N, C-alpha and C. Protein backbone atom coordinates (compact mmCIF):
# COMPACT_ATOMS: atom_id res chain seq x y z
N MET A 1 105.02 -116.19 15.88
CA MET A 1 105.41 -117.35 14.63
C MET A 1 106.50 -118.02 13.82
N LYS A 2 107.35 -116.46 13.40
CA LYS A 2 108.33 -116.43 12.89
C LYS A 2 109.21 -116.66 13.45
N LYS A 3 109.57 -116.49 14.78
CA LYS A 3 109.91 -117.00 16.28
C LYS A 3 110.19 -118.30 15.85
N LEU A 4 109.56 -119.17 15.98
CA LEU A 4 109.28 -120.24 15.17
C LEU A 4 109.67 -120.68 14.71
N LEU A 5 109.72 -120.71 13.59
CA LEU A 5 109.88 -120.72 12.28
C LEU A 5 111.50 -120.99 11.70
N ILE A 6 111.39 -119.30 12.59
CA ILE A 6 113.44 -119.53 13.30
C ILE A 6 113.82 -120.67 13.70
N PHE A 7 113.37 -120.33 15.09
CA PHE A 7 113.96 -121.69 15.22
C PHE A 7 113.45 -123.12 14.74
N VAL A 8 112.76 -122.97 14.06
CA VAL A 8 112.74 -124.79 13.51
C VAL A 8 114.24 -124.35 12.45
N LEU A 9 113.74 -124.20 11.72
CA LEU A 9 114.87 -124.07 10.42
C LEU A 9 116.37 -124.14 10.58
N PHE A 10 116.51 -122.56 12.01
CA PHE A 10 118.20 -123.39 13.14
C PHE A 10 118.63 -124.70 13.32
N LEU A 11 117.04 -125.42 14.24
CA LEU A 11 117.41 -126.20 14.95
C LEU A 11 117.48 -126.95 13.47
N SER A 12 116.48 -127.06 12.04
CA SER A 12 116.92 -128.50 10.82
C SER A 12 118.62 -128.56 10.65
N LEU A 13 118.73 -127.40 9.97
CA LEU A 13 120.20 -126.37 9.55
C LEU A 13 121.34 -127.52 10.95
N GLN A 14 121.12 -127.21 11.58
CA GLN A 14 122.06 -127.46 12.69
C GLN A 14 121.65 -129.13 12.83
N THR A 15 120.95 -129.30 12.26
CA THR A 15 120.59 -131.38 12.47
C THR A 15 121.27 -131.80 11.36
N VAL A 16 121.32 -131.28 10.29
CA VAL A 16 122.06 -131.63 9.20
C VAL A 16 123.28 -131.90 9.16
N THR A 17 123.83 -130.89 9.93
CA THR A 17 124.93 -130.24 10.08
C THR A 17 126.17 -130.92 10.52
N MET A 18 125.14 -131.18 11.41
CA MET A 18 125.45 -132.41 12.37
C MET A 18 125.46 -134.22 11.89
N ALA A 19 124.22 -134.55 11.52
CA ALA A 19 124.17 -135.21 10.81
C ALA A 19 125.53 -136.17 9.56
N GLN A 20 126.10 -134.78 8.96
CA GLN A 20 127.26 -134.51 7.73
C GLN A 20 128.04 -135.13 8.46
N GLU A 21 129.12 -133.67 10.08
CA GLU A 21 129.80 -134.37 10.22
C GLU A 21 129.87 -135.87 10.39
N ALA A 22 128.58 -136.13 11.28
CA ALA A 22 129.00 -138.22 11.59
C ALA A 22 129.59 -138.70 10.76
N ASP A 23 128.66 -138.39 9.89
CA ASP A 23 128.94 -139.59 8.69
C ASP A 23 130.88 -139.04 7.82
N GLY A 24 131.07 -137.46 7.98
CA GLY A 24 132.39 -137.62 7.16
C GLY A 24 132.24 -137.53 5.90
N LEU A 25 133.38 -137.82 4.94
CA LEU A 25 133.69 -137.57 3.78
C LEU A 25 134.13 -139.77 4.36
N GLU A 26 134.09 -140.39 2.82
CA GLU A 26 135.05 -141.52 2.44
C GLU A 26 136.74 -141.54 1.87
N LYS A 27 136.80 -140.30 1.09
CA LYS A 27 137.87 -139.96 0.74
C LYS A 27 137.79 -138.85 1.09
N ASN A 28 138.95 -138.12 2.24
CA ASN A 28 138.15 -137.80 2.64
C ASN A 28 139.73 -136.09 2.40
N LYS A 29 141.31 -136.44 1.56
CA LYS A 29 141.63 -136.07 1.23
C LYS A 29 142.26 -135.41 -0.41
N ALA A 30 142.60 -134.75 -0.27
CA ALA A 30 142.48 -134.31 -2.41
C ALA A 30 144.14 -133.87 -2.35
N VAL A 31 144.80 -134.09 -3.40
CA VAL A 31 145.62 -133.23 -4.60
C VAL A 31 145.67 -132.16 -5.12
N TYR A 32 145.20 -131.29 -5.78
CA TYR A 32 144.71 -131.13 -6.81
C TYR A 32 145.27 -129.54 -7.59
N LEU A 33 145.50 -129.51 -9.57
CA LEU A 33 145.91 -128.17 -9.54
C LEU A 33 144.97 -127.05 -10.38
N GLU A 34 144.88 -125.44 -9.32
CA GLU A 34 144.18 -125.12 -9.15
C GLU A 34 144.40 -124.17 -10.61
N LEU A 35 143.71 -123.45 -10.98
CA LEU A 35 144.33 -122.22 -11.89
C LEU A 35 143.20 -121.06 -12.02
N LEU A 36 144.17 -119.73 -11.44
CA LEU A 36 143.46 -118.58 -10.88
C LEU A 36 142.59 -118.95 -9.44
N GLY A 37 141.99 -118.03 -9.37
CA GLY A 37 141.12 -118.19 -7.90
C GLY A 37 142.40 -117.69 -7.33
N PRO A 38 142.29 -118.36 -5.39
CA PRO A 38 143.47 -118.05 -5.09
C PRO A 38 144.65 -118.13 -5.61
N SER A 39 144.82 -119.14 -6.27
CA SER A 39 146.53 -119.87 -7.04
C SER A 39 147.08 -118.16 -7.95
N GLY A 40 146.46 -117.75 -8.11
CA GLY A 40 146.13 -116.24 -8.85
C GLY A 40 146.95 -116.40 -10.79
N LEU A 41 147.53 -117.28 -10.92
CA LEU A 41 147.85 -118.37 -12.13
C LEU A 41 147.12 -119.15 -12.59
N ALA A 42 147.85 -120.10 -11.35
CA ALA A 42 148.04 -122.31 -11.17
C ALA A 42 148.59 -122.22 -9.79
N GLY A 43 148.48 -123.24 -9.27
CA GLY A 43 149.26 -123.72 -8.33
C GLY A 43 149.01 -125.13 -7.70
N ILE A 44 149.30 -126.06 -6.77
CA ILE A 44 149.36 -127.24 -6.53
C ILE A 44 148.98 -126.78 -5.71
N ASN A 45 147.67 -127.64 -5.08
CA ASN A 45 147.86 -128.27 -3.38
C ASN A 45 146.80 -129.07 -2.58
N PHE A 46 147.24 -129.00 -1.84
CA PHE A 46 146.73 -130.18 -0.66
C PHE A 46 145.15 -129.81 0.23
N ASP A 47 144.87 -131.11 0.34
CA ASP A 47 143.47 -130.51 1.51
C ASP A 47 142.56 -131.69 2.02
N ALA A 48 142.89 -131.78 2.97
CA ALA A 48 141.91 -132.86 3.83
C ALA A 48 140.81 -132.15 5.54
N ARG A 49 140.42 -133.00 6.04
CA ARG A 49 139.75 -132.61 7.02
C ARG A 49 140.00 -132.72 7.40
N PHE A 50 139.63 -131.96 9.30
CA PHE A 50 140.32 -131.87 10.36
C PHE A 50 140.36 -133.28 11.39
N ASN A 51 139.69 -134.44 10.65
CA ASN A 51 139.78 -135.86 11.27
C ASN A 51 138.12 -136.28 10.55
N ASP A 52 137.81 -137.83 10.33
CA ASP A 52 137.10 -138.21 9.44
C ASP A 52 136.09 -138.04 10.37
N HIS A 53 135.68 -137.41 10.80
CA HIS A 53 134.20 -136.97 11.31
C HIS A 53 133.92 -135.52 11.41
N THR A 54 134.24 -134.42 10.19
CA THR A 54 133.79 -133.54 9.95
C THR A 54 133.89 -134.21 8.52
N ARG A 55 133.46 -132.73 7.87
CA ARG A 55 133.28 -132.04 6.99
C ARG A 55 134.37 -130.60 7.41
N LEU A 56 134.41 -130.23 8.12
CA LEU A 56 135.38 -129.07 8.85
C LEU A 56 136.91 -129.12 7.74
N GLY A 57 137.92 -127.87 7.24
CA GLY A 57 138.83 -128.82 6.94
C GLY A 57 139.31 -127.24 6.12
N TRP A 58 141.08 -128.09 5.86
CA TRP A 58 141.81 -126.75 5.26
C TRP A 58 142.48 -127.13 3.65
N ARG A 59 143.02 -126.18 3.75
CA ARG A 59 144.04 -126.42 2.03
C ARG A 59 145.68 -125.69 2.29
N ALA A 60 146.33 -125.91 1.61
CA ALA A 60 147.38 -124.54 1.34
C ALA A 60 147.69 -125.72 0.32
N GLY A 61 148.85 -124.73 -0.29
CA GLY A 61 149.43 -124.49 -1.34
C GLY A 61 150.39 -124.06 -1.71
N LEU A 62 151.06 -124.17 -3.38
CA LEU A 62 152.07 -123.01 -3.86
C LEU A 62 151.62 -122.83 -4.89
N SER A 63 151.69 -121.13 -5.62
CA SER A 63 151.12 -121.21 -6.92
C SER A 63 152.31 -119.86 -7.21
N PHE A 64 152.11 -119.94 -7.98
CA PHE A 64 152.68 -118.67 -9.02
C PHE A 64 152.10 -117.83 -9.30
N ALA A 65 151.70 -116.76 -9.44
CA ALA A 65 150.69 -115.27 -10.31
C ALA A 65 151.74 -114.68 -10.92
N TYR A 66 150.94 -114.10 -11.83
CA TYR A 66 151.35 -113.05 -12.71
C TYR A 66 149.72 -112.00 -13.44
N GLY A 67 150.40 -110.72 -13.44
CA GLY A 67 149.19 -109.91 -13.53
C GLY A 67 149.87 -108.64 -14.72
N ARG A 68 148.94 -107.73 -15.50
CA ARG A 68 150.01 -107.47 -15.82
C ARG A 68 148.95 -106.08 -16.93
N SER A 69 149.11 -104.63 -16.39
CA SER A 69 148.53 -103.72 -16.03
C SER A 69 148.51 -102.02 -17.01
N TYR A 70 148.22 -102.04 -17.56
CA TYR A 70 148.78 -99.82 -18.26
C TYR A 70 147.71 -99.16 -18.49
N ASN A 71 147.81 -98.08 -19.57
CA ASN A 71 147.22 -97.10 -19.45
C ASN A 71 147.95 -96.05 -20.46
N LEU A 72 146.88 -95.78 -21.47
CA LEU A 72 147.14 -94.71 -22.46
C LEU A 72 148.38 -93.72 -22.33
N LEU A 73 148.40 -93.61 -20.99
CA LEU A 73 150.15 -92.29 -20.09
C LEU A 73 150.74 -92.92 -21.10
N GLY A 74 151.56 -94.16 -21.28
CA GLY A 74 152.65 -95.08 -20.76
C GLY A 74 153.24 -95.84 -19.63
N GLN A 75 152.00 -96.57 -18.90
CA GLN A 75 152.35 -96.93 -17.92
C GLN A 75 151.71 -97.61 -17.40
N ASP A 76 153.57 -98.53 -17.49
CA ASP A 76 152.44 -99.81 -16.80
C ASP A 76 153.36 -100.59 -15.86
N SER A 77 152.91 -102.09 -15.62
CA SER A 77 152.91 -102.26 -14.26
C SER A 77 152.58 -104.06 -14.65
N ASP A 78 154.15 -104.62 -14.61
CA ASP A 78 154.23 -105.72 -14.66
C ASP A 78 154.57 -106.73 -13.09
N VAL A 79 153.85 -107.36 -12.80
CA VAL A 79 153.56 -108.36 -11.50
C VAL A 79 154.02 -110.09 -11.14
N ARG A 80 154.98 -111.01 -10.92
CA ARG A 80 155.38 -112.31 -11.34
C ARG A 80 155.86 -112.42 -9.56
N GLY A 81 155.46 -113.06 -8.69
CA GLY A 81 155.33 -113.45 -7.62
C GLY A 81 155.10 -115.48 -7.39
N TYR A 82 155.50 -116.10 -6.07
CA TYR A 82 155.23 -117.01 -5.75
C TYR A 82 154.87 -117.12 -4.43
N ALA A 83 153.17 -117.15 -3.85
CA ALA A 83 152.77 -117.10 -2.72
C ALA A 83 152.18 -118.63 -2.39
N VAL A 84 152.01 -118.30 -1.32
CA VAL A 84 151.19 -119.64 -0.27
C VAL A 84 149.84 -119.31 -0.18
N PRO A 85 148.62 -120.17 -0.47
CA PRO A 85 147.33 -120.42 -0.78
C PRO A 85 146.97 -120.50 0.84
N LEU A 86 146.42 -119.91 2.30
CA LEU A 86 146.58 -120.50 3.27
C LEU A 86 144.87 -120.67 3.17
N GLU A 87 143.67 -121.87 3.55
CA GLU A 87 142.25 -121.40 3.54
C GLU A 87 141.46 -122.65 4.03
N ILE A 88 140.65 -122.29 5.19
CA ILE A 88 139.68 -123.33 5.89
C ILE A 88 138.24 -123.66 5.34
N ASN A 89 137.86 -123.84 5.27
CA ASN A 89 136.14 -124.39 4.33
C ASN A 89 135.32 -125.42 4.70
N TYR A 90 134.53 -126.17 4.00
CA TYR A 90 133.79 -126.09 5.01
C TYR A 90 133.12 -126.84 3.30
N LEU A 91 132.02 -129.05 3.44
CA LEU A 91 131.45 -128.97 2.40
C LEU A 91 130.63 -129.09 2.76
N LEU A 92 129.31 -128.62 2.27
CA LEU A 92 128.16 -129.00 2.36
C LEU A 92 127.31 -129.86 1.39
N GLY A 93 127.08 -131.42 1.21
CA GLY A 93 126.24 -131.96 0.94
C GLY A 93 126.29 -132.82 0.84
N SER A 94 126.88 -134.39 -0.59
CA SER A 94 126.94 -135.89 -0.62
C SER A 94 128.35 -136.30 -0.63
N GLN A 95 128.72 -137.35 -0.32
CA GLN A 95 130.20 -137.80 -0.76
C GLN A 95 130.18 -137.25 -2.04
N LYS A 96 130.02 -137.35 -2.80
CA LYS A 96 130.39 -136.53 -4.16
C LYS A 96 129.91 -135.20 -4.70
N ASN A 97 128.67 -134.78 -4.60
CA ASN A 97 128.86 -133.29 -4.72
C ASN A 97 128.84 -133.30 -4.00
N ASN A 98 129.45 -131.51 -4.16
CA ASN A 98 129.32 -130.21 -2.83
C ASN A 98 129.43 -129.28 -2.65
N LEU A 99 128.61 -128.57 -2.15
CA LEU A 99 129.02 -126.51 -2.07
C LEU A 99 129.54 -126.90 -1.36
N GLU A 100 131.56 -126.32 -2.24
CA GLU A 100 132.23 -126.36 -0.59
C GLU A 100 132.63 -123.61 -0.50
N LEU A 101 133.01 -123.96 0.89
CA LEU A 101 132.96 -122.60 1.37
C LEU A 101 133.96 -122.46 1.99
N GLY A 102 134.17 -121.61 1.97
CA GLY A 102 135.81 -121.04 2.34
C GLY A 102 136.41 -119.73 2.91
N LEU A 103 137.51 -119.68 3.82
CA LEU A 103 137.81 -118.29 3.67
C LEU A 103 138.85 -118.21 3.40
N GLY A 104 140.10 -117.49 3.61
CA GLY A 104 141.86 -117.57 3.48
C GLY A 104 142.47 -116.60 3.15
N THR A 105 143.13 -116.88 3.54
CA THR A 105 144.86 -115.77 2.63
C THR A 105 145.61 -115.98 2.42
N SER A 106 146.27 -115.46 1.37
CA SER A 106 147.18 -115.73 0.21
C SER A 106 148.59 -114.79 1.10
N MET A 107 149.80 -115.12 0.84
CA MET A 107 150.70 -114.85 0.74
C MET A 107 152.02 -114.75 0.21
N GLY A 108 152.66 -114.12 -0.69
CA GLY A 108 154.04 -114.37 -1.08
C GLY A 108 154.36 -112.81 -1.13
N ILE A 109 156.09 -113.71 -2.59
CA ILE A 109 157.12 -112.96 -2.28
C ILE A 109 156.68 -112.63 -3.94
N TYR A 110 156.50 -111.07 -4.24
CA TYR A 110 156.44 -110.61 -5.63
C TYR A 110 157.22 -109.61 -6.34
N ASN A 111 157.38 -109.54 -7.47
CA ASN A 111 158.73 -109.06 -8.49
C ASN A 111 157.85 -107.79 -9.04
N ILE A 112 157.96 -106.73 -8.69
CA ILE A 112 157.24 -105.65 -9.55
C ILE A 112 158.34 -104.95 -11.11
N HIS A 113 157.50 -105.24 -11.63
CA HIS A 113 158.61 -104.60 -12.60
C HIS A 113 157.95 -103.10 -12.98
N GLU A 114 158.08 -101.83 -13.07
CA GLU A 114 156.72 -100.79 -13.24
C GLU A 114 157.69 -99.69 -14.36
N THR A 115 156.74 -99.48 -15.85
CA THR A 115 157.15 -98.25 -16.19
C THR A 115 155.87 -96.73 -16.50
N ARG A 116 157.06 -96.11 -16.25
CA ARG A 116 156.12 -94.77 -15.76
C ARG A 116 156.31 -93.34 -16.46
N GLY A 117 155.67 -93.08 -17.50
CA GLY A 117 156.56 -91.85 -18.85
C GLY A 117 156.20 -89.90 -17.32
N GLU A 118 156.80 -89.71 -17.99
CA GLU A 118 157.17 -87.50 -17.18
C GLU A 118 156.93 -86.22 -18.34
N ILE A 119 156.03 -85.83 -18.41
CA ILE A 119 156.62 -84.39 -19.25
C ILE A 119 157.04 -83.06 -18.80
N VAL A 120 157.74 -83.08 -18.98
CA VAL A 120 158.73 -81.86 -18.56
C VAL A 120 158.60 -80.85 -19.27
N ASN A 121 158.72 -79.87 -18.79
CA ASN A 121 158.70 -78.30 -20.02
C ASN A 121 160.71 -77.86 -20.56
N GLY A 122 160.50 -77.80 -21.92
CA GLY A 122 161.71 -77.55 -21.99
C GLY A 122 162.62 -78.43 -22.96
N PRO A 123 163.73 -78.37 -23.84
CA PRO A 123 164.75 -79.08 -24.32
C PRO A 123 165.14 -80.21 -23.46
N ALA A 124 165.78 -81.12 -24.45
CA ALA A 124 166.72 -82.18 -23.47
C ALA A 124 167.77 -81.76 -22.78
N SER A 125 168.51 -80.12 -23.26
CA SER A 125 169.12 -80.03 -22.83
C SER A 125 169.14 -79.39 -21.85
N SER A 126 168.14 -79.02 -22.05
CA SER A 126 168.40 -77.88 -20.52
C SER A 126 168.08 -79.18 -18.34
N LEU A 127 168.36 -80.76 -18.88
CA LEU A 127 167.44 -81.55 -17.94
C LEU A 127 169.25 -81.07 -17.10
N THR A 128 168.19 -82.20 -15.84
CA THR A 128 170.40 -82.97 -15.23
C THR A 128 170.34 -83.65 -15.94
N ALA A 129 171.81 -84.48 -15.19
CA ALA A 129 172.48 -85.44 -16.40
C ALA A 129 171.24 -86.46 -15.64
N GLU A 130 170.68 -87.21 -14.38
CA GLU A 130 170.21 -87.49 -14.62
C GLU A 130 168.47 -88.76 -14.64
N GLN A 131 168.04 -86.39 -15.06
CA GLN A 131 166.78 -86.90 -16.64
C GLN A 131 167.05 -87.29 -17.36
N GLN A 132 168.16 -86.65 -18.21
CA GLN A 132 168.17 -87.11 -19.13
C GLN A 132 169.23 -88.58 -19.56
N LYS A 133 169.16 -89.11 -19.01
CA LYS A 133 168.82 -90.78 -19.13
C LYS A 133 167.75 -91.80 -19.30
N HIS A 134 166.72 -90.93 -19.17
CA HIS A 134 165.56 -91.19 -18.89
C HIS A 134 164.90 -90.09 -20.20
N VAL A 135 165.38 -89.77 -20.63
CA VAL A 135 164.78 -89.21 -22.29
C VAL A 135 164.42 -89.94 -23.46
N ILE A 136 162.86 -89.99 -23.64
CA ILE A 136 162.92 -90.70 -24.86
C ILE A 136 162.34 -89.79 -26.25
N GLY A 137 162.36 -88.60 -25.95
CA GLY A 137 161.71 -88.05 -27.38
C GLY A 137 161.58 -86.53 -27.04
N GLU A 138 161.87 -85.56 -27.64
CA GLU A 138 161.49 -83.86 -27.57
C GLU A 138 160.29 -83.49 -28.84
N TYR A 139 159.30 -82.51 -28.47
CA TYR A 139 158.28 -82.11 -28.66
C TYR A 139 158.23 -80.95 -29.00
N LYS A 140 157.80 -80.85 -30.38
CA LYS A 140 157.81 -78.72 -30.46
C LYS A 140 155.99 -78.63 -30.08
N THR A 141 156.16 -77.77 -29.33
CA THR A 141 154.43 -77.08 -29.21
C THR A 141 154.55 -75.53 -29.65
N ASP A 142 153.29 -74.93 -29.32
CA ASP A 142 153.02 -73.10 -30.39
C ASP A 142 153.62 -72.80 -28.21
N ASN A 143 153.68 -73.60 -27.21
CA ASN A 143 154.56 -72.75 -26.07
C ASN A 143 156.00 -73.21 -25.49
N GLY A 144 156.22 -73.53 -26.86
CA GLY A 144 158.12 -73.90 -26.17
C GLY A 144 157.58 -75.97 -26.41
N THR A 145 159.11 -76.93 -26.46
CA THR A 145 159.53 -77.38 -26.25
C THR A 145 158.97 -78.40 -25.16
N LEU A 146 158.51 -79.94 -25.33
CA LEU A 146 158.67 -80.75 -24.33
C LEU A 146 159.25 -82.07 -24.43
N THR A 147 159.58 -81.91 -23.66
CA THR A 147 161.14 -83.05 -23.45
C THR A 147 159.73 -84.76 -22.56
N MET A 148 159.75 -86.08 -22.55
CA MET A 148 159.22 -87.06 -22.48
C MET A 148 160.36 -87.49 -21.67
N LEU A 149 160.19 -88.18 -20.50
CA LEU A 149 160.81 -89.31 -19.25
C LEU A 149 160.49 -90.26 -19.80
N ARG A 150 160.96 -91.28 -19.90
CA ARG A 150 160.21 -93.01 -19.90
C ARG A 150 161.36 -93.64 -18.48
N TYR A 151 160.43 -93.82 -17.06
CA TYR A 151 161.48 -94.31 -15.79
C TYR A 151 160.53 -95.62 -16.03
N ARG A 152 162.21 -97.34 -15.35
CA ARG A 152 161.62 -98.06 -15.61
C ARG A 152 162.62 -98.60 -14.29
N GLU A 153 161.57 -99.67 -13.03
CA GLU A 153 161.87 -99.17 -12.13
C GLU A 153 161.61 -100.75 -11.69
N SER A 154 162.01 -102.08 -10.82
CA SER A 154 162.41 -103.29 -10.68
C SER A 154 162.18 -103.66 -9.03
N ARG A 155 161.45 -103.64 -8.25
CA ARG A 155 161.69 -104.27 -6.62
C ARG A 155 160.93 -105.71 -6.49
N ASN A 156 161.27 -105.94 -5.30
CA ASN A 156 160.83 -106.70 -4.88
C ASN A 156 160.35 -106.62 -3.00
N THR A 157 158.37 -107.15 -3.33
CA THR A 157 158.25 -106.55 -2.13
C THR A 157 157.12 -108.39 -1.31
N PHE A 158 156.95 -108.14 -0.49
CA PHE A 158 155.88 -108.93 0.38
C PHE A 158 154.42 -108.08 0.18
N ASP A 159 153.63 -109.33 0.07
CA ASP A 159 151.98 -108.63 0.16
C ASP A 159 151.15 -109.69 0.72
N TYR A 160 150.38 -109.42 0.56
CA TYR A 160 149.53 -111.07 0.79
C TYR A 160 148.20 -109.99 0.68
N TYR A 161 146.42 -110.79 0.75
CA TYR A 161 145.15 -110.08 0.84
C TYR A 161 144.29 -112.04 1.18
N PHE A 162 143.12 -111.36 1.46
CA PHE A 162 142.93 -112.54 2.07
C PHE A 162 141.34 -112.64 0.76
N PHE A 163 140.70 -114.43 1.15
CA PHE A 163 140.22 -114.30 -0.32
C PHE A 163 138.98 -115.07 0.63
N GLY A 164 138.13 -114.87 -0.03
CA GLY A 164 136.44 -116.09 -0.25
C GLY A 164 136.55 -117.38 -1.45
N ASN A 165 136.51 -118.40 -0.68
CA ASN A 165 135.67 -119.20 -1.95
C ASN A 165 134.48 -119.79 -2.09
N ILE A 166 134.28 -119.91 -3.02
CA ILE A 166 132.29 -120.11 -2.67
C ILE A 166 132.59 -121.35 -4.85
N GLY A 167 132.03 -122.87 -4.11
CA GLY A 167 132.35 -123.28 -5.34
C GLY A 167 131.37 -124.58 -5.36
N TYR A 168 131.28 -125.53 -7.09
CA TYR A 168 130.87 -126.57 -6.49
C TYR A 168 131.92 -127.37 -6.55
N ARG A 169 132.11 -128.66 -5.64
CA ARG A 169 133.14 -130.08 -5.13
C ARG A 169 132.10 -131.49 -5.86
N HIS A 170 133.25 -131.75 -6.82
CA HIS A 170 132.63 -132.96 -7.52
C HIS A 170 133.87 -134.01 -7.10
N VAL A 171 132.82 -134.97 -6.40
CA VAL A 171 134.52 -136.52 -6.99
C VAL A 171 134.08 -136.88 -6.66
N SER A 172 134.53 -138.21 -7.97
CA SER A 172 133.63 -139.93 -8.50
C SER A 172 134.24 -140.64 -7.57
N ASN A 173 133.64 -142.08 -7.69
CA ASN A 173 133.76 -143.04 -7.87
C ASN A 173 135.40 -143.79 -7.60
N ASN A 174 135.74 -143.06 -8.06
CA ASN A 174 137.58 -143.18 -8.07
C ASN A 174 138.57 -142.35 -8.26
N GLY A 175 137.87 -141.59 -7.61
CA GLY A 175 138.54 -140.65 -6.81
C GLY A 175 139.26 -139.32 -7.62
N PHE A 176 138.47 -139.21 -9.05
CA PHE A 176 139.21 -137.89 -9.10
C PHE A 176 138.06 -136.95 -8.87
N LEU A 177 138.64 -135.58 -9.09
CA LEU A 177 138.03 -134.28 -8.35
C LEU A 177 138.42 -133.41 -9.41
N PHE A 178 136.66 -132.40 -9.47
CA PHE A 178 136.30 -131.14 -10.03
C PHE A 178 136.22 -130.71 -9.33
N ARG A 179 136.51 -129.19 -9.61
CA ARG A 179 136.62 -127.87 -9.15
C ARG A 179 136.34 -126.63 -9.35
N ALA A 180 134.59 -126.06 -9.24
CA ALA A 180 134.61 -125.18 -9.86
C ALA A 180 134.37 -123.66 -8.91
N GLY A 181 134.44 -122.28 -9.33
CA GLY A 181 133.89 -121.66 -8.86
C GLY A 181 134.58 -119.99 -8.58
N ILE A 182 134.13 -119.08 -7.98
CA ILE A 182 133.91 -118.21 -7.37
C ILE A 182 135.41 -117.50 -5.95
N THR A 183 135.83 -117.51 -6.74
CA THR A 183 136.86 -116.15 -5.27
C THR A 183 136.81 -114.39 -5.23
N PRO A 184 135.98 -114.36 -3.99
CA PRO A 184 136.10 -112.61 -3.81
C PRO A 184 137.40 -112.77 -3.17
N ALA A 185 138.55 -111.71 -4.08
CA ALA A 185 139.26 -111.90 -2.75
C ALA A 185 139.57 -110.09 -2.86
N PHE A 186 140.44 -109.89 -1.57
CA PHE A 186 140.53 -108.71 -0.88
C PHE A 186 141.41 -108.34 -0.80
N THR A 187 142.03 -106.86 -0.91
CA THR A 187 143.47 -106.44 -0.44
C THR A 187 143.91 -105.01 -0.40
N PHE A 188 144.84 -105.34 0.41
CA PHE A 188 145.12 -103.76 0.53
C PHE A 188 146.49 -103.38 0.60
N SER A 189 146.50 -103.62 -0.72
CA SER A 189 148.65 -103.28 -1.52
C SER A 189 147.99 -101.92 -1.28
N LYS A 190 148.37 -100.85 -1.96
CA LYS A 190 149.44 -99.80 -2.34
C LYS A 190 148.74 -100.02 -3.79
N ASP A 191 149.68 -101.53 -4.23
CA ASP A 191 150.47 -100.83 -5.81
C ASP A 191 149.07 -102.00 -6.28
N ALA A 192 147.43 -102.71 -5.58
CA ALA A 192 146.43 -102.95 -6.37
C ALA A 192 146.28 -101.73 -6.94
N SER A 193 145.31 -102.10 -8.31
CA SER A 193 144.72 -101.07 -8.92
C SER A 193 142.71 -101.61 -8.14
N LYS A 194 142.48 -102.26 -7.29
CA LYS A 194 141.23 -102.63 -7.36
C LYS A 194 141.42 -103.24 -5.55
N LYS A 195 141.13 -102.69 -4.88
CA LYS A 195 140.80 -103.38 -3.69
C LYS A 195 140.06 -104.23 -3.47
N VAL A 196 139.01 -105.19 -4.08
CA VAL A 196 137.91 -106.02 -3.91
C VAL A 196 137.50 -106.43 -6.02
N THR A 197 137.73 -107.80 -5.85
CA THR A 197 138.48 -108.55 -7.22
C THR A 197 137.79 -109.44 -7.61
N PHE A 198 137.26 -110.39 -8.34
CA PHE A 198 136.16 -111.72 -8.39
C PHE A 198 137.16 -112.31 -9.62
N TYR A 199 136.82 -113.90 -9.19
CA TYR A 199 138.21 -114.61 -9.65
C TYR A 199 137.15 -115.62 -9.65
N PRO A 200 137.28 -115.87 -11.22
CA PRO A 200 136.90 -117.33 -11.31
C PRO A 200 137.72 -118.31 -10.49
N TYR A 201 137.65 -119.60 -10.79
CA TYR A 201 138.51 -121.04 -10.71
C TYR A 201 138.38 -121.91 -11.15
N LEU A 202 139.08 -122.58 -11.34
CA LEU A 202 139.02 -124.61 -11.84
C LEU A 202 139.83 -125.19 -11.65
N GLY A 203 139.34 -126.40 -10.59
CA GLY A 203 140.67 -127.31 -9.92
C GLY A 203 140.08 -128.78 -10.41
N LEU A 204 141.47 -129.19 -10.84
CA LEU A 204 141.69 -130.59 -11.09
C LEU A 204 142.46 -131.45 -10.01
N GLY A 205 142.30 -132.94 -9.32
CA GLY A 205 143.23 -132.77 -8.57
C GLY A 205 142.62 -134.86 -8.71
N TRP A 206 142.61 -135.15 -7.83
CA TRP A 206 142.60 -136.48 -7.18
C TRP A 206 142.21 -136.67 -5.33
N ALA A 207 141.10 -137.20 -5.18
CA ALA A 207 141.23 -137.46 -4.24
C ALA A 207 140.91 -138.33 -3.56
N PHE A 208 141.81 -139.01 -1.88
CA PHE A 208 141.49 -139.99 -1.91
C PHE A 208 141.07 -140.51 -0.30
């Protein structure tokens, strides 16, 4: 009985998918501004179905990303850059309202500004010439003098991450496009404080 129910459910889903692919979408292309999500901070994207008879499609864009983190030890990181999000997606629903599901990757060039602190034993006069360039203060303690150093560096790096897309898409009769959802992002970068993060996104644009 369970096998029969599973088979009927699978057959029903296949039938719905085939019917939707046969119908396609009246407005199967779109241009939109996306805030957060796969676009980082903000990005312009083009979205289209692979043909007139399917709801399977793709999107590509250009985005600007910015992020900053810091801790109580005086260490902070400032990251900004430009990236290209690429995604394969599928729309499940009607002509106007759809569940949007997708998988993709974002690749970009990022500039990283880092500040880190270090505390060494001894007065500043006992340090090397290179260390003395980074001295920001001396502190007297019961165990002697401690010197605090601060280093700043900037570098450019290529980075990428993978992301998912779970959201709602609405297209009005006149073509106004509204998107909102959640993006789980997966990164393997050594500069990332978290390997898995979740970001909301909002998209506004025009479908045609």
